[in-house]
């Protein structure tokens, strides 16, 4: 059997950084989601198709997000 030595403080530091980056990504996503909703609300008349496209892109981004969460 193969054994490995792990430097616990380094390992903990890596996990801490990854978790912090995950929280930052979630906050950024929430901010962008609100911006997309606000922009879509401004699209009326002939430009209303842009709102539909923005919502479609947002939906695709959410699908990707749920796929990443499912693999954790």
PDB file of N, CA and C in Angstrom:
ATOM      1  N   UNK A   1       0.839  -1.166   0.000  1.00  0.00           N
ATOM      2  CA  UNK A   1       0.000   0.000   0.000  1.00  0.00           C
ATOM      3  C   UNK A   1       0.896   1.246   0.000  1.00  0.00           C
ATOM      4  N   UNK A   2       0.496   2.238  -0.779  1.00  0.00           N
ATOM      5  CA  UNK A   2       1.237   3.490  -0.858  1.00  0.00           C
ATOM      6  C   UNK A   2       0.720   4.463   0.193  1.00  0.00           C
ATOM      7  N   UNK A   3       1.629   5.120   0.859  1.00  0.00           N
ATOM      8  CA  UNK A   3       1.228   6.144   1.832  1.00  0.00           C
ATOM      9  C   UNK A   3       1.833   7.477   1.423  1.00  0.00           C
ATOM     10  N   UNK A   4       1.174   8.530   1.818  1.00  0.00           N
ATOM     11  CA  UNK A   4       1.643   9.879   1.506  1.00  0.00           C
ATOM     12  C   UNK A   4       1.623  10.714   2.773  1.00  0.00           C
ATOM     13  N   UNK A   5       2.588  11.596   2.881  1.00  0.00           N
ATOM     14  CA  UNK A   5       2.606  12.529   4.002  1.00  0.00           C
ATOM     15  C   UNK A   5       1.917  13.810   3.550  1.00  0.00           C
ATOM     16  N   UNK A   6       1.070  14.318   4.389  1.00  0.00           N
ATOM     17  CA  UNK A   6       0.323  15.535   4.076  1.00  0.00           C
ATOM     18  C   UNK A   6       0.722  16.624   5.062  1.00  0.00           C
ATOM     19  N   UNK A   7       1.034  17.785   4.519  1.00  0.00           N
ATOM     20  CA  UNK A   7       1.329  18.940   5.362  1.00  0.00           C
ATOM     21  C   UNK A   7      -0.010  19.612   5.662  1.00  0.00           C
ATOM     22  N   UNK A   8      -0.556  19.328   6.833  1.00  0.00           N
ATOM     23  CA  UNK A   8      -1.914  19.756   7.186  1.00  0.00           C
ATOM     24  C   UNK A   8      -2.149  21.263   7.047  1.00  0.00           C
ATOM     25  N   UNK A   9      -1.238  22.131   7.509  1.00  0.00           N
ATOM     26  CA  UNK A   9      -1.497  23.568   7.361  1.00  0.00           C
ATOM     27  C   UNK A   9      -1.636  23.998   5.894  1.00  0.00           C
ATOM     28  N   UNK A  10      -0.833  23.425   5.013  1.00  0.00           N
ATOM     29  CA  UNK A  10      -0.936  23.764   3.587  1.00  0.00           C
ATOM     30  C   UNK A  10      -2.252  23.276   3.012  1.00  0.00           C
ATOM     31  N   UNK A  11      -2.641  22.085   3.389  1.00  0.00           N
ATOM     32  CA  UNK A  11      -3.897  21.506   2.913  1.00  0.00           C
ATOM     33  C   UNK A  11      -5.077  22.365   3.382  1.00  0.00           C
ATOM     34  N   UNK A  12      -5.056  22.751   4.656  1.00  0.00           N
ATOM     35  CA  UNK A  12      -6.119  23.588   5.203  1.00  0.00           C
ATOM     36  C   UNK A  12      -6.174  24.930   4.476  1.00  0.00           C
ATOM     37  N   UNK A  13      -5.024  25.500   4.181  1.00  0.00           N
ATOM     38  CA  UNK A  13      -4.960  26.783   3.473  1.00  0.00           C
ATOM     39  C   UNK A  13      -5.593  26.683   2.084  1.00  0.00           C
ATOM     40  N   UNK A  14      -5.332  25.590   1.392  1.00  0.00           N
ATOM     41  CA  UNK A  14      -5.909  25.383   0.058  1.00  0.00           C
ATOM     42  C   UNK A  14      -7.434  25.312   0.152  1.00  0.00           C
ATOM     43  N   UNK A  15      -7.942  24.512   1.081  1.00  0.00           N
ATOM     44  CA  UNK A  15      -9.394  24.383   1.222  1.00  0.00           C
ATOM     45  C   UNK A  15     -10.040  25.709   1.624  1.00  0.00           C
ATOM     46  N   UNK A  16      -9.382  26.453   2.503  1.00  0.00           N
ATOM     47  CA  UNK A  16      -9.904  27.752   2.923  1.00  0.00           C
ATOM     48  C   UNK A  16      -9.998  28.697   1.737  1.00  0.00           C
ATOM     49  N   UNK A  17      -8.962  28.722   0.894  1.00  0.00           N
ATOM     50  CA  UNK A  17      -8.957  29.607  -0.272  1.00  0.00           C
ATOM     51  C   UNK A  17     -10.046  29.197  -1.268  1.00  0.00           C
ATOM     52  N   UNK A  18     -10.192  27.915  -1.506  1.00  0.00           N
ATOM     53  CA  UNK A  18     -11.211  27.431  -2.445  1.00  0.00           C
ATOM     54  C   UNK A  18     -12.611  27.796  -1.946  1.00  0.00           C
ATOM     55  N   UNK A  19     -12.862  27.617  -0.663  1.00  0.00           N
ATOM     56  CA  UNK A  19     -14.175  27.965  -0.111  1.00  0.00           C
ATOM     57  C   UNK A  19     -14.442  29.461  -0.224  1.00  0.00           C
ATOM     58  N   UNK A  20     -13.429  30.283   0.024  1.00  0.00           N
ATOM     59  CA  UNK A  20     -13.589  31.738  -0.093  1.00  0.00           C
ATOM     60  C   UNK A  20     -13.890  32.132  -1.538  1.00  0.00           C
ATOM     61  N   UNK A  21     -13.195  31.526  -2.477  1.00  0.00           N
ATOM     62  CA  UNK A  21     -13.436  31.828  -3.893  1.00  0.00           C
ATOM     63  C   UNK A  21     -14.838  31.390  -4.309  1.00  0.00           C
ATOM     64  N   UNK A  22     -15.311  30.284  -3.759  1.00  0.00           N
ATOM     65  CA  UNK A  22     -16.673  29.831  -4.042  1.00  0.00           C
ATOM     66  C   UNK A  22     -17.703  30.834  -3.541  1.00  0.00           C
ATOM     67  N   UNK A  23     -17.479  31.366  -2.344  1.00  0.00           N
ATOM     68  CA  UNK A  23     -18.394  32.386  -1.810  1.00  0.00           C
ATOM     69  C   UNK A  23     -18.356  33.644  -2.675  1.00  0.00           C
ATOM     70  N   UNK A  24     -17.158  34.062  -3.089  1.00  0.00           N
ATOM     71  CA  UNK A  24     -17.034  35.240  -3.960  1.00  0.00           C
ATOM     72  C   UNK A  24     -17.776  35.033  -5.275  1.00  0.00           C
ATOM     73  N   UNK A  25     -17.644  33.845  -5.841  1.00  0.00           N
ATOM     74  CA  UNK A  25     -18.321  33.544  -7.111  1.00  0.00           C
ATOM     75  C   UNK A  25     -19.837  33.599  -6.939  1.00  0.00           C
ATOM     76  N   UNK A  26     -20.339  33.077  -5.827  1.00  0.00           N
ATOM     77  CA  UNK A  26     -21.784  33.096  -5.579  1.00  0.00           C
ATOM     78  C   UNK A  26     -22.297  34.530  -5.450  1.00  0.00           C
ATOM     79  N   UNK A  27     -21.540  35.378  -4.752  1.00  0.00           N
ATOM     80  CA  UNK A  27     -21.951  36.780  -4.603  1.00  0.00           C
ATOM     81  C   UNK A  27     -21.929  37.506  -5.941  1.00  0.00           C
ATOM     82  N   UNK A  28     -20.907  37.240  -6.741  1.00  0.00           N
ATOM     83  CA  UNK A  28     -20.809  37.870  -8.058  1.00  0.00           C
ATOM     84  C   UNK A  28     -21.969  37.433  -8.939  1.00  0.00           C
ATOM     85  N   UNK A  29     -22.297  36.143  -8.890  1.00  0.00           N
ATOM     86  CA  UNK A  29     -23.409  35.623  -9.694  1.00  0.00           C
ATOM     87  C   UNK A  29     -24.717  36.306  -9.299  1.00  0.00           C
ATOM     88  N   UNK A  30     -24.932  36.444  -7.989  1.00  0.00           N
ATOM     89  CA  UNK A  30     -26.164  37.075  -7.505  1.00  0.00           C
ATOM     90  C   UNK A  30     -26.246  38.519  -7.992  1.00  0.00           C
ATOM     91  N   UNK A  31     -25.125  39.225  -7.967  1.00  0.00           N
ATOM     92  CA  UNK A  31     -25.082  40.618  -8.420  1.00  0.00           C
ATOM     93  C   UNK A  31     -25.367  40.710  -9.913  1.00  0.00           C
ATOM     94  N   UNK A  32     -24.715  39.856 -10.691  1.00  0.00           N
ATOM     95  CA  UNK A  32     -24.929  39.861 -12.140  1.00  0.00           C
ATOM     96  C   UNK A  32     -26.359  39.478 -12.493  1.00  0.00           C
ATOM     97  N   UNK A  33     -26.919  38.555 -11.747  1.00  0.00           N
ATOM     98  CA  UNK A  33     -28.289  38.127 -12.001  1.00  0.00           C
ATOM     99  C   UNK A  33     -29.253  39.302 -11.844  1.00  0.00           C
ATOM    100  N   UNK A  34     -29.053  40.096 -10.805  1.00  0.00           N
ATOM    101  CA  UNK A  34     -29.888  41.276 -10.600  1.00  0.00           C
ATOM    102  C   UNK A  34     -29.709  42.298 -11.702  1.00  0.00           C
ATOM    103  N   UNK A  35     -28.464  42.474 -12.147  1.00  0.00           N
ATOM    104  CA  UNK A  35     -28.185  43.415 -13.240  1.00  0.00           C
ATOM    105  C   UNK A  35     -28.862  42.970 -14.534  1.00  0.00           C
ATOM    106  N   UNK A  36     -28.822  41.671 -14.797  1.00  0.00           N
ATOM    107  CA  UNK A  36     -29.455  41.142 -16.011  1.00  0.00           C
ATOM    108  C   UNK A  36     -30.966  41.353 -15.947  1.00  0.00           C
ATOM    109  N   UNK A  37     -31.555  41.109 -14.782  1.00  0.00           N
ATOM    110  CA  UNK A  37     -33.000  41.332 -14.625  1.00  0.00           C
ATOM    111  C   UNK A  37     -33.354  42.798 -14.856  1.00  0.00           C
ATOM    112  N   UNK A  38     -32.548  43.705 -14.297  1.00  0.00           N
ATOM    113  CA  UNK A  38     -32.810  45.140 -14.458  1.00  0.00           C
ATOM    114  C   UNK A  38     -32.677  45.561 -15.917  1.00  0.00           C
ATOM    115  N   UNK A  39     -31.656  45.054 -16.585  1.00  0.00           N
ATOM    116  CA  UNK A  39     -31.453  45.378 -17.996  1.00  0.00           C
ATOM    117  C   UNK A  39     -32.604  44.834 -18.840  1.00  0.00           C
ATOM    118  N   UNK A  40     -33.014  43.612 -18.564  1.00  0.00           N
ATOM    119  CA  UNK A  40     -34.119  43.012 -19.303  1.00  0.00           C
ATOM    120  C   UNK A  40     -35.416  43.790 -19.138  1.00  0.00           C
ATOM    121  N   UNK A  41     -35.626  44.352 -17.939  1.00  0.00           N
ATOM    122  CA  UNK A  41     -36.842  45.129 -17.689  1.00  0.00           C
ATOM    123  C   UNK A  41     -36.885  46.405 -18.527  1.00  0.00           C
ATOM    124  N   UNK A  42     -35.723  46.884 -18.947  1.00  0.00           N
ATOM    125  CA  UNK A  42     -35.663  48.101 -19.765  1.00  0.00           C
ATOM    126  C   UNK A  42     -35.955  47.834 -21.239  1.00  0.00           C
ATOM    127  N   UNK A  43     -35.910  46.569 -21.626  1.00  0.00           N
ATOM    128  CA  UNK A  43     -36.102  46.214 -23.033  1.00  0.00           C
ATOM    129  C   UNK A  43     -37.595  46.098 -23.342  1.00  0.00           C
ATOM    130  N   UNK A  44     -38.108  47.058 -24.088  1.00  0.00           N
ATOM    131  CA  UNK A  44     -39.528  47.047 -24.452  1.00  0.00           C
ATOM    132  C   UNK A  44     -39.658  47.222 -25.956  1.00  0.00           C
ATOM    133  N   UNK A  45     -40.855  47.001 -26.440  1.00  0.00           N
ATOM    134  CA  UNK A  45     -41.103  47.180 -27.868  1.00  0.00           C
ATOM    135  C   UNK A  45     -40.252  46.243 -28.695  1.00  0.00           C
ATOM    136  N   UNK A  46     -39.615  46.802 -29.731  1.00  0.00           N
ATOM    137  CA  UNK A  46     -38.799  45.977 -30.628  1.00  0.00           C
ATOM    138  C   UNK A  46     -37.607  45.354 -29.917  1.00  0.00           C
ATOM    139  N   UNK A  47     -37.137  45.998 -28.868  1.00  0.00           N
ATOM    140  CA  UNK A  47     -35.974  45.454 -28.159  1.00  0.00           C
ATOM    141  C   UNK A  47     -36.358  44.386 -27.132  1.00  0.00           C
ATOM    142  N   UNK A  48     -37.647  44.065 -27.028  1.00  0.00           N
ATOM    143  CA  UNK A  48     -38.066  43.061 -26.046  1.00  0.00           C
ATOM    144  C   UNK A  48     -37.454  41.694 -26.327  1.00  0.00           C
ATOM    145  N   UNK A  49     -37.070  41.456 -27.569  1.00  0.00           N
ATOM    146  CA  UNK A  49     -36.407  40.179 -27.879  1.00  0.00           C
ATOM    147  C   UNK A  49     -35.086  40.061 -27.120  1.00  0.00           C
ATOM    148  N   UNK A  50     -34.456  41.203 -26.843  1.00  0.00           N
ATOM    149  CA  UNK A  50     -33.215  41.173 -26.065  1.00  0.00           C
ATOM    150  C   UNK A  50     -33.468  40.646 -24.654  1.00  0.00           C
ATOM    151  N   UNK A  51     -34.593  41.027 -24.062  1.00  0.00           N
ATOM    152  CA  UNK A  51     -34.931  40.539 -22.723  1.00  0.00           C
ATOM    153  C   UNK A  51     -35.060  39.020 -22.735  1.00  0.00           C
ATOM    154  N   UNK A  52     -35.700  38.489 -23.765  1.00  0.00           N
ATOM    155  CA  UNK A  52     -35.850  37.036 -23.874  1.00  0.00           C
ATOM    156  C   UNK A  52     -34.489  36.362 -24.017  1.00  0.00           C
ATOM    157  N   UNK A  53     -33.605  36.969 -24.807  1.00  0.00           N
ATOM    158  CA  UNK A  53     -32.260  36.398 -24.989  1.00  0.00           C
ATOM    159  C   UNK A  53     -31.475  36.450 -23.682  1.00  0.00           C
ATOM    160  N   UNK A  54     -31.563  37.577 -22.960  1.00  0.00           N
ATOM    161  CA  UNK A  54     -30.872  37.696 -21.672  1.00  0.00           C
ATOM    162  C   UNK A  54     -31.372  36.652 -20.684  1.00  0.00           C
ATOM    163  N   UNK A  55     -32.688  36.466 -20.635  1.00  0.00           N
ATOM    164  CA  UNK A  55     -33.251  35.458 -19.734  1.00  0.00           C
ATOM    165  C   UNK A  55     -32.801  34.056 -20.119  1.00  0.00           C
ATOM    166  N   UNK A  56     -32.696  33.795 -21.420  1.00  0.00           N
ATOM    167  CA  UNK A  56     -32.211  32.493 -21.877  1.00  0.00           C
ATOM    168  C   UNK A  56     -30.774  32.245 -21.461  1.00  0.00           C
ATOM    169  N   UNK A  57     -29.944  33.268 -21.596  1.00  0.00           N
ATOM    170  CA  UNK A  57     -28.543  33.136 -21.180  1.00  0.00           C
ATOM    171  C   UNK A  57     -28.438  32.917 -19.676  1.00  0.00           C
ATOM    172  N   UNK A  58     -29.256  33.650 -18.938  1.00  0.00           N
ATOM    173  CA  UNK A  58     -29.246  33.503 -17.486  1.00  0.00           C
ATOM    174  C   UNK A  58     -29.683  32.094 -17.085  1.00  0.00           C
ATOM    175  N   UNK A  59     -30.677  31.555 -17.765  1.00  0.00           N
ATOM    176  CA  UNK A  59     -31.160  30.202 -17.478  1.00  0.00           C
ATOM    177  C   UNK A  59     -30.061  29.173 -17.757  1.00  0.00           C
ATOM    178  N   UNK A  60     -29.334  29.355 -18.864  1.00  0.00           N
ATOM    179  CA  UNK A  60     -28.234  28.438 -19.193  1.00  0.00           C
ATOM    180  C   UNK A  60     -27.133  28.510 -18.139  1.00  0.00           C
ATOM    181  N   UNK A  61     -26.848  29.714 -17.666  1.00  0.00           N
ATOM    182  CA  UNK A  61     -25.825  29.875 -16.629  1.00  0.00           C
ATOM    183  C   UNK A  61     -26.249  29.168 -15.347  1.00  0.00           C
ATOM    184  N   UNK A  62     -27.527  29.254 -15.012  1.00  0.00           N
ATOM    185  CA  UNK A  62     -28.023  28.571 -13.811  1.00  0.00           C
ATOM    186  C   UNK A  62     -27.937  27.062 -13.954  1.00  0.00           C
ATOM    187  N   UNK A  63     -28.180  26.557 -15.166  1.00  0.00           N
ATOM    188  CA  UNK A  63     -28.060  25.108 -15.404  1.00  0.00           C
ATOM    189  C   UNK A  63     -26.633  24.663 -15.132  1.00  0.00           C
ATOM    190  N   UNK A  64     -25.675  25.416 -15.639  1.00  0.00           N
ATOM    191  CA  UNK A  64     -24.271  25.092 -15.406  1.00  0.00           C
ATOM    192  C   UNK A  64     -23.929  25.128 -13.935  1.00  0.00           C
ATOM    193  N   UNK A  65     -24.506  26.081 -13.223  1.00  0.00           N
ATOM    194  CA  UNK A  65     -24.263  26.201 -11.794  1.00  0.00           C
ATOM    195  C   UNK A  65     -24.808  24.991 -11.057  1.00  0.00           C
ATOM    196  N   UNK A  66     -26.008  24.532 -11.407  1.00  0.00           N
ATOM    197  CA  UNK A  66     -26.588  23.380 -10.719  1.00  0.00           C
ATOM    198  C   UNK A  66     -25.822  22.104 -11.051  1.00  0.00           C
ATOM    199  N   UNK A  67     -25.237  22.023 -12.238  1.00  0.00           N
ATOM    200  CA  UNK A  67     -24.417  20.858 -12.593  1.00  0.00           C
ATOM    201  C   UNK A  67     -23.162  20.811 -11.728  1.00  0.00           C
ATOM    202  N   UNK A  68     -22.539  21.971 -11.518  1.00  0.00           N
ATOM    203  CA  UNK A  68     -21.339  22.014 -10.678  1.00  0.00           C
ATOM    204  C   UNK A  68     -21.681  21.635  -9.242  1.00  0.00           C
ATOM    205  N   UNK A  69     -22.825  22.109  -8.728  1.00  0.00           N
ATOM    206  CA  UNK A  69     -23.218  21.785  -7.360  1.00  0.00           C
ATOM    207  C   UNK A  69     -23.498  20.295  -7.214  1.00  0.00           C
ATOM    208  N   UNK A  70     -24.052  19.682  -8.234  1.00  0.00           N
ATOM    209  CA  UNK A  70     -24.381  18.256  -8.177  1.00  0.00           C
ATOM    210  C   UNK A  70     -23.132  17.390  -8.136  1.00  0.00           C
ATOM    211  N   UNK A  71     -22.023  17.894  -8.652  1.00  0.00           N
ATOM    212  CA  UNK A  71     -20.801  17.088  -8.686  1.00  0.00           C
ATOM    213  C   UNK A  71     -19.953  17.268  -7.443  1.00  0.00           C
ATOM    214  N   UNK A  72     -20.397  18.099  -6.513  1.00  0.00           N
ATOM    215  CA  UNK A  72     -19.611  18.301  -5.276  1.00  0.00           C
ATOM    216  C   UNK A  72     -19.757  17.142  -4.346  1.00  0.00           C
TER     217      UNK A  72
END
